Amino acid sequence: MKKVVLIGDSIRMGYDKYIKEALSGTAEVFYPSENCRFAEYVLRYAHDWKAVGEWGDDVDLVHWNAGLWDALELFGDEPLTPISCYGELIKRIDKRLRMLFPNAKLVFATSTNVSEKMSRPEFTRHNATIQKYNAEALRALSDTDTVINDLYSLTESVPDSYRSDWVHFYTPEGTELIGGKVLSEICELLDITPKQINIEDFESERYSKSNIGY
């Protein structure tokens, strides 16, 4: 049976159970019980999550993200993680994950779009900033074979009804959209067929580049 690890912030926490249920009987799906927060936190705790979860060295794929916390602006201050540091942290996380999971394929997910009109002045994210951080992450990973899952483009023009608040997509439609895209990436890389997915009428091509439109 395949082994998949999901690491990421509260966006990941919106689809991890969806992925686990969808792949039940086909792949073991592991993820930390906590919000993985910002990039430096992932770098610090990735090995602890592996040890506590007893994920082993035979993981086949790691899908991860870090960025929304890094781009967070509190009380009008600069983003929590300077963008120059962010790129270096992404490189170090990629290297760390390769060390921890030597046989795994790596997938990095870009940070998702937010609804700025719903944000609070003291706790803000701007899409222009998120896009800059996403671009920096892609630059940092450009010399690796890490696969990029562009969740920003996926969520850029979704209806407000897909959102549970200004950041998250904890709705049936939002979960199905993001979870379906993540699941499609996993299935393609691990040669898992739609017939092996525990979702009625699952079609991975629904989440293809041409259909999503980026």
C-alpha atoms as a PDB file:
ATOM      1  CA  MET A   1       0.000   0.000   0.000  1.00  0.00           C
ATOM      2  CA  LYS A   2       1.247   3.489  -0.858  1.00  0.00           C
ATOM      3  CA  LYS A   3       2.101   5.956   1.902  1.00  0.00           C
ATOM      4  CA  VAL A   4       1.294   9.667   1.608  1.00  0.00           C
ATOM      5  CA  VAL A   5       2.195  12.496   3.999  1.00  0.00           C
ATOM      6  CA  LEU A   6       0.379  15.842   4.032  1.00  0.00           C
ATOM      7  CA  ILE A   7       2.113  18.770   5.753  1.00  0.00           C
ATOM      8  CA  GLY A   8       0.707  22.269   5.862  1.00  0.00           C
ATOM      9  CA  ASP A   9      -1.266  25.030   7.513  1.00  0.00           C
ATOM     10  CA  SER A  10      -5.013  25.320   8.131  1.00  0.00           C
ATOM     11  CA  ILE A  11      -5.701  25.072   4.397  1.00  0.00           C
ATOM     12  CA  ARG A  12      -4.301  21.533   4.568  1.00  0.00           C
ATOM     13  CA  MET A  13      -6.500  20.887   7.594  1.00  0.00           C
ATOM     14  CA  GLY A  14      -9.504  21.536   5.349  1.00  0.00           C
ATOM     15  CA  TYR A  15      -8.736  18.646   2.979  1.00  0.00           C
ATOM     16  CA  ASP A  16      -6.585  16.124   4.873  1.00  0.00           C
ATOM     17  CA  LYS A  17      -9.520  13.978   6.035  1.00  0.00           C
ATOM     18  CA  TYR A  18     -11.005  14.186   2.527  1.00  0.00           C
ATOM     19  CA  ILE A  19      -7.778  12.751   1.088  1.00  0.00           C
ATOM     20  CA  LYS A  20      -7.496  10.097   3.797  1.00  0.00           C
ATOM     21  CA  GLU A  21     -11.037   8.876   3.201  1.00  0.00           C
ATOM     22  CA  ALA A  22     -10.713   9.020  -0.580  1.00  0.00           C
ATOM     23  CA  LEU A  23      -7.575   6.853  -0.523  1.00  0.00           C
ATOM     24  CA  SER A  24      -8.753   4.421   2.154  1.00  0.00           C
ATOM     25  CA  GLY A  25      -7.754   0.918   1.101  1.00  0.00           C
ATOM     26  CA  THR A  26      -5.358   2.253  -1.536  1.00  0.00           C
ATOM     27  CA  ALA A  27      -2.887   4.408   0.410  1.00  0.00           C
ATOM     28  CA  GLU A  28      -2.116   5.240   4.013  1.00  0.00           C
ATOM     29  CA  VAL A  29      -2.414   8.989   4.533  1.00  0.00           C
ATOM     30  CA  PHE A  30      -0.604  10.687   7.402  1.00  0.00           C
ATOM     31  CA  TYR A  31      -0.544  14.292   8.618  1.00  0.00           C
ATOM     32  CA  PRO A  32       0.252  16.193  11.825  1.00  0.00           C
ATOM     33  CA  SER A  33      -2.633  16.767  14.205  1.00  0.00           C
ATOM     34  CA  GLU A  34      -1.644  20.423  14.472  1.00  0.00           C
ATOM     35  CA  ASN A  35      -1.601  23.426  12.175  1.00  0.00           C
ATOM     36  CA  CYS A  36       1.897  23.478  10.639  1.00  0.00           C
ATOM     37  CA  ARG A  37       1.863  27.284  10.507  1.00  0.00           C
ATOM     38  CA  PHE A  38       4.784  29.101   8.864  1.00  0.00           C
ATOM     39  CA  ALA A  39       7.869  27.873   7.022  1.00  0.00           C
ATOM     40  CA  GLU A  40      10.280  28.077   9.949  1.00  0.00           C
ATOM     41  CA  TYR A  41       7.863  26.010  12.036  1.00  0.00           C
ATOM     42  CA  VAL A  42       7.777  23.301   9.350  1.00  0.00           C
ATOM     43  CA  LEU A  43      11.562  23.258   9.209  1.00  0.00           C
ATOM     44  CA  ARG A  44      11.757  22.886  12.993  1.00  0.00           C
ATOM     45  CA  TYR A  45       9.091  20.225  13.477  1.00  0.00           C
ATOM     46  CA  ALA A  46       9.030  18.056  10.340  1.00  0.00           C
ATOM     47  CA  HIS A  47      11.263  15.413  11.915  1.00  0.00           C
ATOM     48  CA  ASP A  48       9.209  15.428  15.130  1.00  0.00           C
ATOM     49  CA  TRP A  49       5.966  14.892  13.213  1.00  0.00           C
ATOM     50  CA  LYS A  50       7.565  11.973  11.426  1.00  0.00           C
ATOM     51  CA  ALA A  51       8.782  10.434  14.680  1.00  0.00           C
ATOM     52  CA  VAL A  52       5.534  10.942  16.605  1.00  0.00           C
ATOM     53  CA  GLY A  53       3.431   9.654  13.726  1.00  0.00           C
ATOM     54  CA  GLU A  54       5.816   6.753  13.049  1.00  0.00           C
ATOM     55  CA  TRP A  55       5.597   7.452   9.343  1.00  0.00           C
ATOM     56  CA  GLY A  56       8.797   5.564   8.539  1.00  0.00           C
ATOM     57  CA  ASP A  57      11.271   5.907   5.672  1.00  0.00           C
ATOM     58  CA  ASP A  58       9.075   4.258   3.051  1.00  0.00           C
ATOM     59  CA  VAL A  59       6.764   7.207   2.361  1.00  0.00           C
ATOM     60  CA  ASP A  60       5.964   7.454  -1.361  1.00  0.00           C
ATOM     61  CA  LEU A  61       4.831  11.076  -1.573  1.00  0.00           C
ATOM     62  CA  VAL A  62       4.874  14.247   0.538  1.00  0.00           C
ATOM     63  CA  HIS A  63       2.475  17.071  -0.338  1.00  0.00           C
ATOM     64  CA  TRP A  64       3.302  20.226   1.612  1.00  0.00           C
ATOM     65  CA  ASN A  65       2.712  23.948   1.848  1.00  0.00           C
ATOM     66  CA  ALA A  66       3.859  26.934   3.904  1.00  0.00           C
ATOM     67  CA  GLY A  67       3.275  30.583   3.115  1.00  0.00           C
ATOM     68  CA  LEU A  68       0.013  32.064   4.364  1.00  0.00           C
ATOM     69  CA  TRP A  69       1.412  32.560   7.860  1.00  0.00           C
ATOM     70  CA  ASP A  70       4.672  33.885   6.437  1.00  0.00           C
ATOM     71  CA  ALA A  71       2.755  36.523   4.437  1.00  0.00           C
ATOM     72  CA  LEU A  72       0.554  37.488   7.393  1.00  0.00           C
ATOM     73  CA  GLU A  73       0.601  41.177   8.348  1.00  0.00           C
ATOM     74  CA  LEU A  74      -0.256  41.955  11.986  1.00  0.00           C
ATOM     75  CA  PHE A  75      -1.320  45.471  13.021  1.00  0.00           C
ATOM     76  CA  GLY A  76      -0.076  46.976   9.764  1.00  0.00           C
ATOM     77  CA  ASP A  77       3.434  45.590  10.238  1.00  0.00           C
ATOM     78  CA  GLU A  78       5.509  43.859   7.563  1.00  0.00           C
ATOM     79  CA  PRO A  79       4.852  40.161   6.798  1.00  0.00           C
ATOM     80  CA  LEU A  80       5.914  37.831   9.604  1.00  0.00           C
ATOM     81  CA  THR A  81       8.650  36.231   7.510  1.00  0.00           C
ATOM     82  CA  PRO A  82      10.721  38.582   5.321  1.00  0.00           C
ATOM     83  CA  ILE A  83      10.477  37.376   1.758  1.00  0.00           C
ATOM     84  CA  SER A  84      14.272  37.074   1.477  1.00  0.00           C
ATOM     85  CA  CYS A  85      14.218  34.615   4.382  1.00  0.00           C
ATOM     86  CA  TYR A  86      11.147  32.819   3.061  1.00  0.00           C
ATOM     87  CA  GLY A  87      12.850  31.590  -0.098  1.00  0.00           C
ATOM     88  CA  GLU A  88      15.785  30.223   1.873  1.00  0.00           C
ATOM     89  CA  LEU A  89      13.441  28.455   4.288  1.00  0.00           C
ATOM     90  CA  ILE A  90      11.551  26.823   1.417  1.00  0.00           C
ATOM     91  CA  LYS A  91      14.862  25.513   0.058  1.00  0.00           C
ATOM     92  CA  ARG A  92      15.821  24.148   3.468  1.00  0.00           C
ATOM     93  CA  ILE A  93      12.449  22.478   3.983  1.00  0.00           C
ATOM     94  CA  ASP A  94      12.705  20.812   0.582  1.00  0.00           C
ATOM     95  CA  LYS A  95      16.163  19.531   1.514  1.00  0.00           C
ATOM     96  CA  ARG A  96      14.952  18.378   4.945  1.00  0.00           C
ATOM     97  CA  LEU A  97      11.999  16.484   3.511  1.00  0.00           C
ATOM     98  CA  ARG A  98      14.278  14.716   1.056  1.00  0.00           C
ATOM     99  CA  MET A  99      16.452  13.623   3.968  1.00  0.00           C
ATOM    100  CA  LEU A 100      13.494  12.466   6.074  1.00  0.00           C
ATOM    101  CA  PHE A 101      11.673  10.746   3.213  1.00  0.00           C
ATOM    102  CA  PRO A 102      14.409   9.564   0.835  1.00  0.00           C
ATOM    103  CA  ASN A 103      12.085   7.616  -1.473  1.00  0.00           C
ATOM    104  CA  ALA A 104       9.261  10.141  -1.653  1.00  0.00           C
ATOM    105  CA  LYS A 105       8.121  12.342  -4.503  1.00  0.00           C
ATOM    106  CA  LEU A 106       7.644  15.918  -3.285  1.00  0.00           C
ATOM    107  CA  VAL A 107       4.755  18.232  -4.153  1.00  0.00           C
ATOM    108  CA  PHE A 108       4.685  21.873  -3.046  1.00  0.00           C
ATOM    109  CA  ALA A 109       1.335  23.663  -2.993  1.00  0.00           C
ATOM    110  CA  THR A 110       1.212  27.403  -3.496  1.00  0.00           C
ATOM    111  CA  SER A 111      -0.646  29.475  -0.902  1.00  0.00           C
ATOM    112  CA  THR A 112      -4.309  30.023  -1.633  1.00  0.00           C
ATOM    113  CA  ASN A 113      -6.141  33.236  -2.487  1.00  0.00           C
ATOM    114  CA  VAL A 114      -7.870  35.207   0.288  1.00  0.00           C
ATOM    115  CA  SER A 115     -10.908  37.483   0.298  1.00  0.00           C
ATOM    116  CA  GLU A 116      -9.354  40.795   1.314  1.00  0.00           C
ATOM    117  CA  LYS A 117     -12.749  42.482   1.740  1.00  0.00           C
ATOM    118  CA  MET A 118     -13.483  40.111   4.628  1.00  0.00           C
ATOM    119  CA  SER A 119     -10.177  40.609   6.469  1.00  0.00           C
ATOM    120  CA  ARG A 120      -9.542  42.577   9.672  1.00  0.00           C
ATOM    121  CA  PRO A 121      -7.138  45.564   9.902  1.00  0.00           C
ATOM    122  CA  GLU A 122      -5.132  43.966  12.689  1.00  0.00           C
ATOM    123  CA  PHE A 123      -4.894  40.570  10.974  1.00  0.00           C
ATOM    124  CA  THR A 124      -4.381  41.001   7.253  1.00  0.00           C
ATOM    125  CA  ARG A 125      -3.195  39.203   4.182  1.00  0.00           C
ATOM    126  CA  HIS A 126      -2.963  40.792   0.745  1.00  0.00           C
ATOM    127  CA  ASN A 127      -3.189  38.718  -2.408  1.00  0.00           C
ATOM    128  CA  ALA A 128      -0.434  40.755  -4.056  1.00  0.00           C
ATOM    129  CA  THR A 129       1.870  39.783  -1.193  1.00  0.00           C
ATOM    130  CA  ILE A 130       0.797  36.137  -1.320  1.00  0.00           C
ATOM    131  CA  GLN A 131       1.580  36.065  -5.034  1.00  0.00           C
ATOM    132  CA  LYS A 132       5.067  37.462  -4.377  1.00  0.00           C
ATOM    133  CA  TYR A 133       5.687  34.762  -1.761  1.00  0.00           C
ATOM    134  CA  ASN A 134       4.420  32.080  -4.108  1.00  0.00           C
ATOM    135  CA  ALA A 135       6.758  33.346  -6.822  1.00  0.00           C
ATOM    136  CA  GLU A 136       9.654  33.295  -4.365  1.00  0.00           C
ATOM    137  CA  ALA A 137       8.857  29.711  -3.416  1.00  0.00           C
ATOM    138  CA  LEU A 138       8.820  28.671  -7.062  1.00  0.00           C
ATOM    139  CA  ARG A 139      12.142  30.407  -7.597  1.00  0.00           C
ATOM    140  CA  ALA A 140      13.593  28.611  -4.585  1.00  0.00           C
ATOM    141  CA  LEU A 141      12.440  25.230  -5.908  1.00  0.00           C
ATOM    142  CA  SER A 142      13.282  25.865  -9.554  1.00  0.00           C
ATOM    143  CA  ASP A 143      16.384  23.696  -9.520  1.00  0.00           C
ATOM    144  CA  THR A 144      14.620  20.708  -7.931  1.00  0.00           C
ATOM    145  CA  ASP A 145      12.208  18.089  -9.267  1.00  0.00           C
ATOM    146  CA  THR A 146       9.553  19.091  -6.735  1.00  0.00           C
ATOM    147  CA  VAL A 147       6.141  19.183  -8.413  1.00  0.00           C
ATOM    148  CA  ILE A 148       4.175  22.431  -8.036  1.00  0.00           C
ATOM    149  CA  ASN A 149       0.469  22.273  -7.227  1.00  0.00           C
ATOM    150  CA  ASP A 150      -0.862  25.759  -7.972  1.00  0.00           C
ATOM    151  CA  LEU A 151      -3.675  26.156  -5.460  1.00  0.00           C
ATOM    152  CA  TYR A 152      -3.529  29.945  -5.747  1.00  0.00           C
ATOM    153  CA  SER A 153      -4.749  29.896  -9.340  1.00  0.00           C
ATOM    154  CA  LEU A 154      -7.321  27.275  -8.399  1.00  0.00           C
ATOM    155  CA  THR A 155      -8.856  29.516  -5.725  1.00  0.00           C
ATOM    156  CA  GLU A 156      -8.346  32.914  -7.338  1.00  0.00           C
ATOM    157  CA  SER A 157     -11.829  33.265  -8.792  1.00  0.00           C
ATOM    158  CA  VAL A 158     -13.989  30.909  -6.724  1.00  0.00           C
ATOM    159  CA  PRO A 159     -17.444  32.094  -5.607  1.00  0.00           C
ATOM    160  CA  ASP A 160     -17.695  33.430  -2.066  1.00  0.00           C
ATOM    161  CA  SER A 161     -19.993  30.496  -1.297  1.00  0.00           C
ATOM    162  CA  TYR A 162     -16.938  28.225  -1.478  1.00  0.00           C
ATOM    163  CA  ARG A 163     -15.341  30.137   1.409  1.00  0.00           C
ATOM    164  CA  SER A 164     -16.074  29.552   5.085  1.00  0.00           C
ATOM    165  CA  ASP A 165     -14.302  32.806   5.992  1.00  0.00           C
ATOM    166  CA  TRP A 166     -11.818  35.178   4.354  1.00  0.00           C
ATOM    167  CA  VAL A 167      -9.006  32.578   4.333  1.00  0.00           C
ATOM    168  CA  HIS A 168     -10.509  29.090   4.500  1.00  0.00           C
ATOM    169  CA  PHE A 169     -12.596  26.847   2.282  1.00  0.00           C
ATOM    170  CA  TYR A 170     -14.282  24.674   4.900  1.00  0.00           C
ATOM    171  CA  THR A 171     -17.409  24.175   2.822  1.00  0.00           C
ATOM    172  CA  PRO A 172     -18.460  21.096   0.834  1.00  0.00           C
ATOM    173  CA  GLU A 173     -17.705  22.938  -2.419  1.00  0.00           C
ATOM    174  CA  GLY A 174     -14.362  24.314  -1.221  1.00  0.00           C
ATOM    175  CA  THR A 175     -13.230  20.995   0.211  1.00  0.00           C
ATOM    176  CA  GLU A 176     -14.179  19.148  -2.950  1.00  0.00           C
ATOM    177  CA  LEU A 177     -12.402  21.706  -5.142  1.00  0.00           C
ATOM    178  CA  ILE A 178      -9.094  21.846  -3.260  1.00  0.00           C
ATOM    179  CA  GLY A 179      -9.195  18.245  -2.061  1.00  0.00           C
ATOM    180  CA  GLY A 180      -9.931  17.080  -5.584  1.00  0.00           C
ATOM    181  CA  LYS A 181      -6.956  18.984  -6.983  1.00  0.00           C
ATOM    182  CA  VAL A 182      -4.602  17.616  -4.324  1.00  0.00           C
ATOM    183  CA  LEU A 183      -5.977  14.128  -4.856  1.00  0.00           C
ATOM    184  CA  SER A 184      -5.470  14.398  -8.610  1.00  0.00           C
ATOM    185  CA  GLU A 185      -1.796  15.319  -8.132  1.00  0.00           C
ATOM    186  CA  ILE A 186      -1.289  12.383  -5.772  1.00  0.00           C
ATOM    187  CA  CYS A 187      -3.030   9.924  -8.093  1.00  0.00           C
ATOM    188  CA  GLU A 188      -1.067  11.035 -11.140  1.00  0.00           C
ATOM    189  CA  LEU A 189       2.288  10.754  -9.396  1.00  0.00           C
ATOM    190  CA  LEU A 190       1.530   7.419  -7.717  1.00  0.00           C
ATOM    191  CA  ASP A 191      -0.355   5.838 -10.654  1.00  0.00           C
ATOM    192  CA  ILE A 192      -3.588   5.508  -8.687  1.00  0.00           C
ATOM    193  CA  THR A 193      -6.608   5.097 -10.943  1.00  0.00           C
ATOM    194  CA  PRO A 194     -10.032   6.740 -10.448  1.00  0.00           C
ATOM    195  CA  LYS A 195     -11.485   3.271  -9.748  1.00  0.00           C
ATOM    196  CA  GLN A 196      -9.302   3.110  -6.633  1.00  0.00           C
ATOM    197  CA  ILE A 197     -10.757   6.354  -5.224  1.00  0.00           C
ATOM    198  CA  ASN A 198     -13.560   6.241  -2.667  1.00  0.00           C
ATOM    199  CA  ILE A 199     -15.429   9.160  -4.212  1.00  0.00           C
ATOM    200  CA  GLU A 200     -18.379   8.465  -6.443  1.00  0.00           C
ATOM    201  CA  ASP A 201     -17.770   9.497 -10.048  1.00  0.00           C
ATOM    202  CA  PHE A 202     -14.320  10.931  -9.270  1.00  0.00           C
ATOM    203  CA  GLU A 203     -12.696  12.208 -12.462  1.00  0.00           C
ATOM    204  CA  SER A 204      -9.136  13.444 -12.087  1.00  0.00           C
ATOM    205  CA  GLU A 205      -9.371  15.327 -15.394  1.00  0.00           C
ATOM    206  CA  ARG A 206     -11.886  17.686 -13.789  1.00  0.00           C
ATOM    207  CA  TYR A 207      -8.942  19.197 -11.957  1.00  0.00           C
ATOM    208  CA  SER A 208      -6.606  19.404 -14.947  1.00  0.00           C
ATOM    209  CA  LYS A 209      -4.713  22.498 -15.959  1.00  0.00           C
ATOM    210  CA  SER A 210      -7.007  23.157 -18.927  1.00  0.00           C
ATOM    211  CA  ASN A 211     -10.198  22.871 -16.899  1.00  0.00           C
ATOM    212  CA  ILE A 212      -9.014  24.982 -13.979  1.00  0.00           C
ATOM    213  CA  GLY A 213      -7.805  27.623 -16.391  1.00  0.00           C
ATOM    214  CA  TYR A 214      -4.284  28.596 -15.354  1.00  0.00           C
END
